[in-house]
């Protein structure tokens, strides 16, 4: 038996403790299922930002990918905020010449909105 690494969590362990799906190891079916859902949201966010917010500027794809990887917010939350705020974001960045600045602005808006929503959710739970 060999040591393998979970593609989703990075956890290491014996091969016999993992499942093997689509050429990769996962600690459990549940972890795989959550990973696939999260990955789907990540791909949708990336596509919307590149195609709709940045007018199909594919030269910024790697930076958008890096920003997504570095975020602490869930991809589902970011996706939902992006859907709600896409028109607002696009209207604000349309006049910007700095492409990196556009991406930084997009992620700042998304992460701030997610933070506000999470804070409000915590307040609601606290006040129950």
C-alpha atoms as a PDB file:
ATOM      1  CA  UNK A   1       0.000   0.000   0.000  1.00  0.00           C
ATOM      2  CA  UNK A   2       1.168   3.500  -0.733  1.00  0.00           C
ATOM      3  CA  UNK A   3       0.647   6.941   0.701  1.00  0.00           C
ATOM      4  CA  UNK A   4      -1.682   9.175  -1.320  1.00  0.00           C
ATOM      5  CA  UNK A   5      -2.952  12.727  -1.066  1.00  0.00           C
ATOM      6  CA  UNK A   6      -6.601  13.802  -1.198  1.00  0.00           C
ATOM      7  CA  UNK A   7      -7.120  16.020  -4.241  1.00  0.00           C
ATOM      8  CA  UNK A   8      -9.679  18.155  -2.383  1.00  0.00           C
ATOM      9  CA  UNK A   9      -8.304  18.533   1.142  1.00  0.00           C
ATOM     10  CA  UNK A  10      -4.608  17.734   0.736  1.00  0.00           C
ATOM     11  CA  UNK A  11      -4.854  15.169   3.528  1.00  0.00           C
ATOM     12  CA  UNK A  12      -2.324  12.333   3.273  1.00  0.00           C
ATOM     13  CA  UNK A  13      -3.042   8.702   4.093  1.00  0.00           C
ATOM     14  CA  UNK A  14      -2.912   5.066   3.059  1.00  0.00           C
ATOM     15  CA  UNK A  15      -4.233   4.298  -0.401  1.00  0.00           C
ATOM     16  CA  UNK A  16      -6.746   1.845   1.113  1.00  0.00           C
ATOM     17  CA  UNK A  17      -8.389   4.674   3.110  1.00  0.00           C
ATOM     18  CA  UNK A  18      -9.176   6.740  -0.003  1.00  0.00           C
ATOM     19  CA  UNK A  19     -11.515   6.433  -2.953  1.00  0.00           C
ATOM     20  CA  UNK A  20     -10.249   6.849  -6.508  1.00  0.00           C
ATOM     21  CA  UNK A  21     -12.402   8.902  -8.876  1.00  0.00           C
ATOM     22  CA  UNK A  22     -11.525  10.414 -12.260  1.00  0.00           C
ATOM     23  CA  UNK A  23      -7.838   9.630 -11.816  1.00  0.00           C
ATOM     24  CA  UNK A  24      -7.538  11.293  -8.397  1.00  0.00           C
ATOM     25  CA  UNK A  25      -7.735  10.237  -4.750  1.00  0.00           C
ATOM     26  CA  UNK A  26     -10.332  11.574  -2.300  1.00  0.00           C
ATOM     27  CA  UNK A  27     -10.720  10.841   1.409  1.00  0.00           C
ATOM     28  CA  UNK A  28     -14.448  10.087   1.024  1.00  0.00           C
ATOM     29  CA  UNK A  29     -17.384  10.316  -1.362  1.00  0.00           C
ATOM     30  CA  UNK A  30     -18.730  13.244   0.686  1.00  0.00           C
ATOM     31  CA  UNK A  31     -15.487  15.194   0.289  1.00  0.00           C
ATOM     32  CA  UNK A  32     -15.481  14.441  -3.440  1.00  0.00           C
ATOM     33  CA  UNK A  33     -19.112  15.584  -3.822  1.00  0.00           C
ATOM     34  CA  UNK A  34     -18.453  18.851  -1.981  1.00  0.00           C
ATOM     35  CA  UNK A  35     -15.292  19.415  -4.013  1.00  0.00           C
ATOM     36  CA  UNK A  36     -17.168  18.946  -7.297  1.00  0.00           C
ATOM     37  CA  UNK A  37     -19.868  21.433  -6.262  1.00  0.00           C
ATOM     38  CA  UNK A  38     -17.294  23.983  -5.117  1.00  0.00           C
ATOM     39  CA  UNK A  39     -15.265  23.478  -8.283  1.00  0.00           C
ATOM     40  CA  UNK A  40     -18.377  24.084 -10.375  1.00  0.00           C
ATOM     41  CA  UNK A  41     -19.008  27.415  -8.658  1.00  0.00           C
ATOM     42  CA  UNK A  42     -15.345  28.373  -9.100  1.00  0.00           C
ATOM     43  CA  UNK A  43     -15.517  27.712 -12.852  1.00  0.00           C
ATOM     44  CA  UNK A  44     -18.752  29.714 -13.182  1.00  0.00           C
ATOM     45  CA  UNK A  45     -17.268  32.681 -11.280  1.00  0.00           C
ATOM     46  CA  UNK A  46     -14.124  32.609 -13.410  1.00  0.00           C
ATOM     47  CA  UNK A  47     -16.164  32.515 -16.626  1.00  0.00           C
ATOM     48  CA  UNK A  48     -18.491  35.361 -15.580  1.00  0.00           C
ATOM     49  CA  UNK A  49     -15.629  37.621 -14.505  1.00  0.00           C
ATOM     50  CA  UNK A  50     -13.602  37.030 -17.679  1.00  0.00           C
ATOM     51  CA  UNK A  51     -16.446  37.047 -20.188  1.00  0.00           C
ATOM     52  CA  UNK A  52     -18.949  39.471 -18.722  1.00  0.00           C
ATOM     53  CA  UNK A  53     -17.074  41.789 -16.378  1.00  0.00           C
ATOM     54  CA  UNK A  54     -13.788  42.010 -18.317  1.00  0.00           C
ATOM     55  CA  UNK A  55     -15.265  41.835 -21.830  1.00  0.00           C
ATOM     56  CA  UNK A  56     -13.644  38.480 -22.595  1.00  0.00           C
ATOM     57  CA  UNK A  57     -10.122  39.658 -21.643  1.00  0.00           C
ATOM     58  CA  UNK A  58      -8.573  36.195 -21.385  1.00  0.00           C
ATOM     59  CA  UNK A  59      -5.136  37.680 -20.679  1.00  0.00           C
ATOM     60  CA  UNK A  60      -6.293  38.184 -17.086  1.00  0.00           C
ATOM     61  CA  UNK A  61      -7.490  34.588 -16.588  1.00  0.00           C
ATOM     62  CA  UNK A  62      -4.509  33.505 -14.493  1.00  0.00           C
ATOM     63  CA  UNK A  63      -4.844  36.491 -12.138  1.00  0.00           C
ATOM     64  CA  UNK A  64      -8.569  35.837 -11.707  1.00  0.00           C
ATOM     65  CA  UNK A  65      -7.725  32.202 -10.954  1.00  0.00           C
ATOM     66  CA  UNK A  66      -5.129  33.252  -8.380  1.00  0.00           C
ATOM     67  CA  UNK A  67      -7.553  35.655  -6.694  1.00  0.00           C
ATOM     68  CA  UNK A  68     -10.149  32.877  -6.517  1.00  0.00           C
ATOM     69  CA  UNK A  69      -7.613  30.492  -5.013  1.00  0.00           C
ATOM     70  CA  UNK A  70      -6.542  33.074  -2.424  1.00  0.00           C
ATOM     71  CA  UNK A  71     -10.031  34.057  -1.265  1.00  0.00           C
ATOM     72  CA  UNK A  72     -11.319  32.980   2.134  1.00  0.00           C
ATOM     73  CA  UNK A  73     -14.946  33.154   0.998  1.00  0.00           C
ATOM     74  CA  UNK A  74     -16.848  30.133  -0.242  1.00  0.00           C
ATOM     75  CA  UNK A  75     -17.240  29.897  -3.994  1.00  0.00           C
ATOM     76  CA  UNK A  76     -20.990  29.480  -3.591  1.00  0.00           C
ATOM     77  CA  UNK A  77     -21.235  32.745  -1.635  1.00  0.00           C
ATOM     78  CA  UNK A  78     -19.022  34.564  -4.146  1.00  0.00           C
ATOM     79  CA  UNK A  79     -21.099  33.238  -7.034  1.00  0.00           C
ATOM     80  CA  UNK A  80     -24.361  34.385  -5.461  1.00  0.00           C
ATOM     81  CA  UNK A  81     -22.996  37.871  -4.774  1.00  0.00           C
ATOM     82  CA  UNK A  82     -21.534  38.086  -8.268  1.00  0.00           C
ATOM     83  CA  UNK A  83     -24.921  37.226  -9.755  1.00  0.00           C
ATOM     84  CA  UNK A  84     -26.562  39.974  -7.673  1.00  0.00           C
ATOM     85  CA  UNK A  85     -23.859  42.629  -8.136  1.00  0.00           C
ATOM     86  CA  UNK A  86     -22.563  41.931 -11.665  1.00  0.00           C
ATOM     87  CA  UNK A  87     -24.265  44.941 -13.270  1.00  0.00           C
ATOM     88  CA  UNK A  88     -23.066  47.270 -10.486  1.00  0.00           C
ATOM     89  CA  UNK A  89     -19.491  45.943 -10.665  1.00  0.00           C
ATOM     90  CA  UNK A  90     -19.352  46.193 -14.444  1.00  0.00           C
ATOM     91  CA  UNK A  91     -20.644  49.761 -14.383  1.00  0.00           C
ATOM     92  CA  UNK A  92     -17.943  50.772 -11.891  1.00  0.00           C
ATOM     93  CA  UNK A  93     -14.983  49.208 -13.711  1.00  0.00           C
ATOM     94  CA  UNK A  94     -15.981  50.210 -17.255  1.00  0.00           C
ATOM     95  CA  UNK A  95     -13.895  53.401 -17.136  1.00  0.00           C
ATOM     96  CA  UNK A  96     -10.850  51.891 -15.448  1.00  0.00           C
ATOM     97  CA  UNK A  97      -7.752  51.524 -17.616  1.00  0.00           C
ATOM     98  CA  UNK A  98      -5.794  49.364 -15.169  1.00  0.00           C
ATOM     99  CA  UNK A  99      -6.813  45.738 -15.718  1.00  0.00           C
ATOM    100  CA  UNK A 100      -5.258  44.555 -12.451  1.00  0.00           C
ATOM    101  CA  UNK A 101      -7.140  47.339 -10.673  1.00  0.00           C
ATOM    102  CA  UNK A 102     -10.375  46.066 -12.215  1.00  0.00           C
ATOM    103  CA  UNK A 103      -9.798  42.585 -10.856  1.00  0.00           C
ATOM    104  CA  UNK A 104      -8.803  43.880  -7.439  1.00  0.00           C
ATOM    105  CA  UNK A 105     -11.972  45.990  -7.376  1.00  0.00           C
ATOM    106  CA  UNK A 106     -14.167  43.039  -8.398  1.00  0.00           C
ATOM    107  CA  UNK A 107     -12.796  40.832  -5.640  1.00  0.00           C
ATOM    108  CA  UNK A 108     -12.935  43.565  -3.028  1.00  0.00           C
ATOM    109  CA  UNK A 109     -16.635  44.122  -3.752  1.00  0.00           C
ATOM    110  CA  UNK A 110     -17.386  40.391  -3.755  1.00  0.00           C
ATOM    111  CA  UNK A 111     -15.488  39.663  -0.541  1.00  0.00           C
ATOM    112  CA  UNK A 112     -16.946  42.703   1.252  1.00  0.00           C
ATOM    113  CA  UNK A 113     -20.486  41.681   0.278  1.00  0.00           C
ATOM    114  CA  UNK A 114     -19.910  38.100   1.425  1.00  0.00           C
ATOM    115  CA  UNK A 115     -18.463  39.385   4.694  1.00  0.00           C
ATOM    116  CA  UNK A 116     -21.523  41.584   5.293  1.00  0.00           C
ATOM    117  CA  UNK A 117     -23.894  38.712   4.545  1.00  0.00           C
ATOM    118  CA  UNK A 118     -21.998  36.343   6.841  1.00  0.00           C
ATOM    119  CA  UNK A 119     -21.962  38.957   9.592  1.00  0.00           C
ATOM    120  CA  UNK A 120     -25.715  39.478   9.234  1.00  0.00           C
ATOM    121  CA  UNK A 121     -26.281  35.708   9.324  1.00  0.00           C
ATOM    122  CA  UNK A 122     -24.216  35.479  12.520  1.00  0.00           C
ATOM    123  CA  UNK A 123     -26.246  38.298  14.096  1.00  0.00           C
ATOM    124  CA  UNK A 124     -29.489  36.521  13.226  1.00  0.00           C
ATOM    125  CA  UNK A 125     -28.232  33.275  14.793  1.00  0.00           C
ATOM    126  CA  UNK A 126     -27.050  35.156  17.887  1.00  0.00           C
ATOM    127  CA  UNK A 127     -30.404  36.890  18.368  1.00  0.00           C
ATOM    128  CA  UNK A 128     -32.521  33.720  18.147  1.00  0.00           C
END
